[in-house]
Amino acid sequence: MKKIVGEKAAQYVKDGIVIGLGTGSTVYYTINKLGELIQQGLSIKGIPTPFQTEQLARNLGIQFVN
């Protein structure tokens, strides 16, 4: 169920936005789906909160706000 919810949440992310990247098991699935969408051309920037989220997002190609 968490995977379904996390992946569904990623569908609401629009091209060009800045998104906060939190933590938790559901967010893990959201971030992975965002990584897939980035590979398909989605352009977003993320602001990660915890270190593990930052590492996961970075590895999946999500850029960060400076």
N, C-alpha and C. Protein backbone atom coordinates (compact mmCIF):
# COMPACT_ATOMS: atom_id res chain seq x y z
N MET A 1 0.82 -1.19 0.00
CA MET A 1 0.00 0.00 0.00
C MET A 1 0.87 1.26 0.00
N LYS A 2 1.95 1.26 0.77
CA LYS A 2 2.81 2.44 0.83
C LYS A 2 3.43 2.73 -0.53
N LYS A 3 3.80 1.69 -1.25
CA LYS A 3 4.38 1.88 -2.58
C LYS A 3 3.37 2.55 -3.51
N ILE A 4 2.14 2.09 -3.47
CA ILE A 4 1.09 2.67 -4.32
C ILE A 4 0.89 4.14 -3.98
N VAL A 5 0.80 4.45 -2.70
CA VAL A 5 0.59 5.83 -2.26
C VAL A 5 1.78 6.71 -2.63
N GLY A 6 2.99 6.20 -2.39
CA GLY A 6 4.19 6.97 -2.71
C GLY A 6 4.30 7.27 -4.19
N GLU A 7 4.04 6.28 -5.02
CA GLU A 7 4.13 6.48 -6.46
C GLU A 7 3.01 7.39 -6.96
N LYS A 8 1.84 7.30 -6.37
CA LYS A 8 0.73 8.18 -6.74
C LYS A 8 1.07 9.63 -6.42
N ALA A 9 1.69 9.86 -5.28
CA ALA A 9 2.08 11.23 -4.89
C ALA A 9 3.01 11.85 -5.92
N ALA A 10 3.90 11.06 -6.50
CA ALA A 10 4.85 11.57 -7.49
C ALA A 10 4.13 12.08 -8.73
N GLN A 11 2.95 11.58 -9.01
CA GLN A 11 2.20 12.03 -10.19
C GLN A 11 1.73 13.47 -10.07
N TYR A 12 1.69 14.00 -8.85
CA TYR A 12 1.26 15.37 -8.63
C TYR A 12 2.39 16.39 -8.79
N VAL A 13 3.60 15.91 -8.94
CA VAL A 13 4.76 16.78 -9.07
C VAL A 13 4.81 17.30 -10.51
N LYS A 14 4.87 18.60 -10.65
CA LYS A 14 4.86 19.24 -11.96
C LYS A 14 6.28 19.66 -12.36
N ASP A 15 6.50 19.68 -13.66
CA ASP A 15 7.78 20.07 -14.22
C ASP A 15 8.17 21.48 -13.75
N GLY A 16 9.42 21.64 -13.34
CA GLY A 16 9.95 22.94 -12.98
C GLY A 16 9.76 23.37 -11.54
N ILE A 17 9.10 22.55 -10.71
CA ILE A 17 8.85 22.98 -9.33
C ILE A 17 10.01 22.62 -8.41
N VAL A 18 9.98 23.22 -7.24
CA VAL A 18 10.89 22.89 -6.15
C VAL A 18 10.05 22.10 -5.15
N ILE A 19 10.57 20.96 -4.71
CA ILE A 19 9.80 20.08 -3.83
C ILE A 19 10.61 19.70 -2.60
N GLY A 20 9.97 19.72 -1.45
CA GLY A 20 10.60 19.26 -0.22
C GLY A 20 10.63 17.74 -0.20
N LEU A 21 11.76 17.17 0.15
CA LEU A 21 11.93 15.71 0.19
C LEU A 21 12.12 15.29 1.64
N GLY A 22 11.10 14.74 2.22
CA GLY A 22 11.14 14.32 3.62
C GLY A 22 11.73 12.94 3.80
N THR A 23 11.27 12.26 4.81
CA THR A 23 11.80 10.95 5.14
C THR A 23 10.65 9.98 5.39
N GLY A 24 10.96 8.71 5.42
CA GLY A 24 9.96 7.70 5.73
C GLY A 24 9.83 6.69 4.62
N SER A 25 9.17 5.60 4.95
CA SER A 25 9.08 4.49 3.99
C SER A 25 8.22 4.84 2.78
N THR A 26 7.21 5.67 2.93
CA THR A 26 6.38 6.05 1.79
C THR A 26 7.12 7.03 0.88
N VAL A 27 7.85 7.95 1.48
CA VAL A 27 8.63 8.92 0.70
C VAL A 27 9.69 8.21 -0.13
N TYR A 28 10.22 7.13 0.37
CA TYR A 28 11.19 6.33 -0.39
C TYR A 28 10.62 5.96 -1.77
N TYR A 29 9.39 5.52 -1.80
CA TYR A 29 8.76 5.14 -3.07
C TYR A 29 8.48 6.37 -3.94
N THR A 30 8.12 7.48 -3.32
CA THR A 30 7.89 8.71 -4.07
C THR A 30 9.18 9.15 -4.76
N ILE A 31 10.28 9.14 -4.01
CA ILE A 31 11.55 9.58 -4.57
C ILE A 31 12.01 8.65 -5.69
N ASN A 32 11.83 7.37 -5.53
CA ASN A 32 12.19 6.43 -6.60
C ASN A 32 11.36 6.69 -7.85
N LYS A 33 10.08 6.96 -7.69
CA LYS A 33 9.23 7.26 -8.84
C LYS A 33 9.65 8.56 -9.49
N LEU A 34 10.01 9.55 -8.67
CA LEU A 34 10.50 10.81 -9.24
C LEU A 34 11.76 10.58 -10.05
N GLY A 35 12.62 9.70 -9.58
CA GLY A 35 13.83 9.36 -10.33
C GLY A 35 13.48 8.80 -11.70
N GLU A 36 12.47 7.94 -11.75
CA GLU A 36 12.02 7.39 -13.04
C GLU A 36 11.49 8.50 -13.94
N LEU A 37 10.71 9.40 -13.36
CA LEU A 37 10.13 10.49 -14.14
C LEU A 37 11.20 11.45 -14.65
N ILE A 38 12.24 11.65 -13.87
CA ILE A 38 13.36 12.49 -14.31
C ILE A 38 14.05 11.85 -15.51
N GLN A 39 14.19 10.54 -15.48
CA GLN A 39 14.78 9.84 -16.63
C GLN A 39 13.93 10.01 -17.88
N GLN A 40 12.64 10.28 -17.69
CA GLN A 40 11.72 10.49 -18.81
C GLN A 40 11.59 11.96 -19.19
N GLY A 41 12.35 12.85 -18.51
CA GLY A 41 12.35 14.25 -18.89
C GLY A 41 11.83 15.23 -17.87
N LEU A 42 11.30 14.76 -16.74
CA LEU A 42 10.82 15.68 -15.70
C LEU A 42 12.00 16.48 -15.16
N SER A 43 11.79 17.78 -14.96
CA SER A 43 12.83 18.64 -14.41
C SER A 43 12.31 19.26 -13.12
N ILE A 44 12.91 18.87 -11.99
CA ILE A 44 12.53 19.42 -10.69
C ILE A 44 13.80 19.68 -9.89
N LYS A 45 13.63 20.40 -8.79
CA LYS A 45 14.70 20.58 -7.80
C LYS A 45 14.13 20.18 -6.46
N GLY A 46 14.96 19.53 -5.64
CA GLY A 46 14.51 19.08 -4.34
C GLY A 46 15.25 19.73 -3.20
N ILE A 47 14.59 19.81 -2.07
CA ILE A 47 15.21 20.26 -0.83
C ILE A 47 15.07 19.09 0.14
N PRO A 48 16.16 18.32 0.32
CA PRO A 48 16.08 17.15 1.22
C PRO A 48 16.23 17.56 2.67
N THR A 49 15.56 16.84 3.55
CA THR A 49 15.72 17.12 4.97
C THR A 49 16.77 16.21 5.59
N PRO A 50 16.59 14.92 5.69
CA PRO A 50 17.62 14.08 6.30
C PRO A 50 18.69 13.65 5.28
N PHE A 51 19.85 13.26 5.79
CA PHE A 51 20.98 12.86 4.96
C PHE A 51 20.64 11.68 4.05
N GLN A 52 19.94 10.66 4.56
CA GLN A 52 19.63 9.49 3.74
C GLN A 52 18.75 9.87 2.55
N THR A 53 17.82 10.78 2.76
CA THR A 53 16.98 11.23 1.66
C THR A 53 17.81 11.98 0.64
N GLU A 54 18.73 12.80 1.11
CA GLU A 54 19.61 13.53 0.18
C GLU A 54 20.41 12.56 -0.68
N GLN A 55 20.98 11.54 -0.07
CA GLN A 55 21.78 10.56 -0.82
C GLN A 55 20.92 9.82 -1.84
N LEU A 56 19.75 9.37 -1.45
CA LEU A 56 18.86 8.65 -2.37
C LEU A 56 18.47 9.55 -3.54
N ALA A 57 18.05 10.76 -3.24
CA ALA A 57 17.62 11.69 -4.28
C ALA A 57 18.78 12.02 -5.23
N ARG A 58 19.95 12.26 -4.69
CA ARG A 58 21.13 12.57 -5.49
C ARG A 58 21.43 11.40 -6.43
N ASN A 59 21.39 10.19 -5.92
CA ASN A 59 21.67 9.00 -6.73
C ASN A 59 20.65 8.80 -7.84
N LEU A 60 19.45 9.35 -7.67
CA LEU A 60 18.38 9.20 -8.67
C LEU A 60 18.29 10.39 -9.61
N GLY A 61 19.22 11.34 -9.48
CA GLY A 61 19.30 12.45 -10.43
C GLY A 61 18.48 13.66 -10.07
N ILE A 62 17.96 13.76 -8.85
CA ILE A 62 17.21 14.93 -8.45
C ILE A 62 18.19 16.03 -8.07
N GLN A 63 18.05 17.19 -8.70
CA GLN A 63 18.92 18.33 -8.39
C GLN A 63 18.40 19.03 -7.14
N PHE A 64 19.30 19.76 -6.49
CA PHE A 64 18.94 20.46 -5.27
C PHE A 64 18.99 21.97 -5.44
N VAL A 65 18.26 22.66 -4.62
CA VAL A 65 18.29 24.11 -4.57
C VAL A 65 19.54 24.53 -3.82
N ASN A 66 20.24 25.48 -4.35
CA ASN A 66 21.46 25.98 -3.67
C ASN A 66 21.13 27.15 -2.79
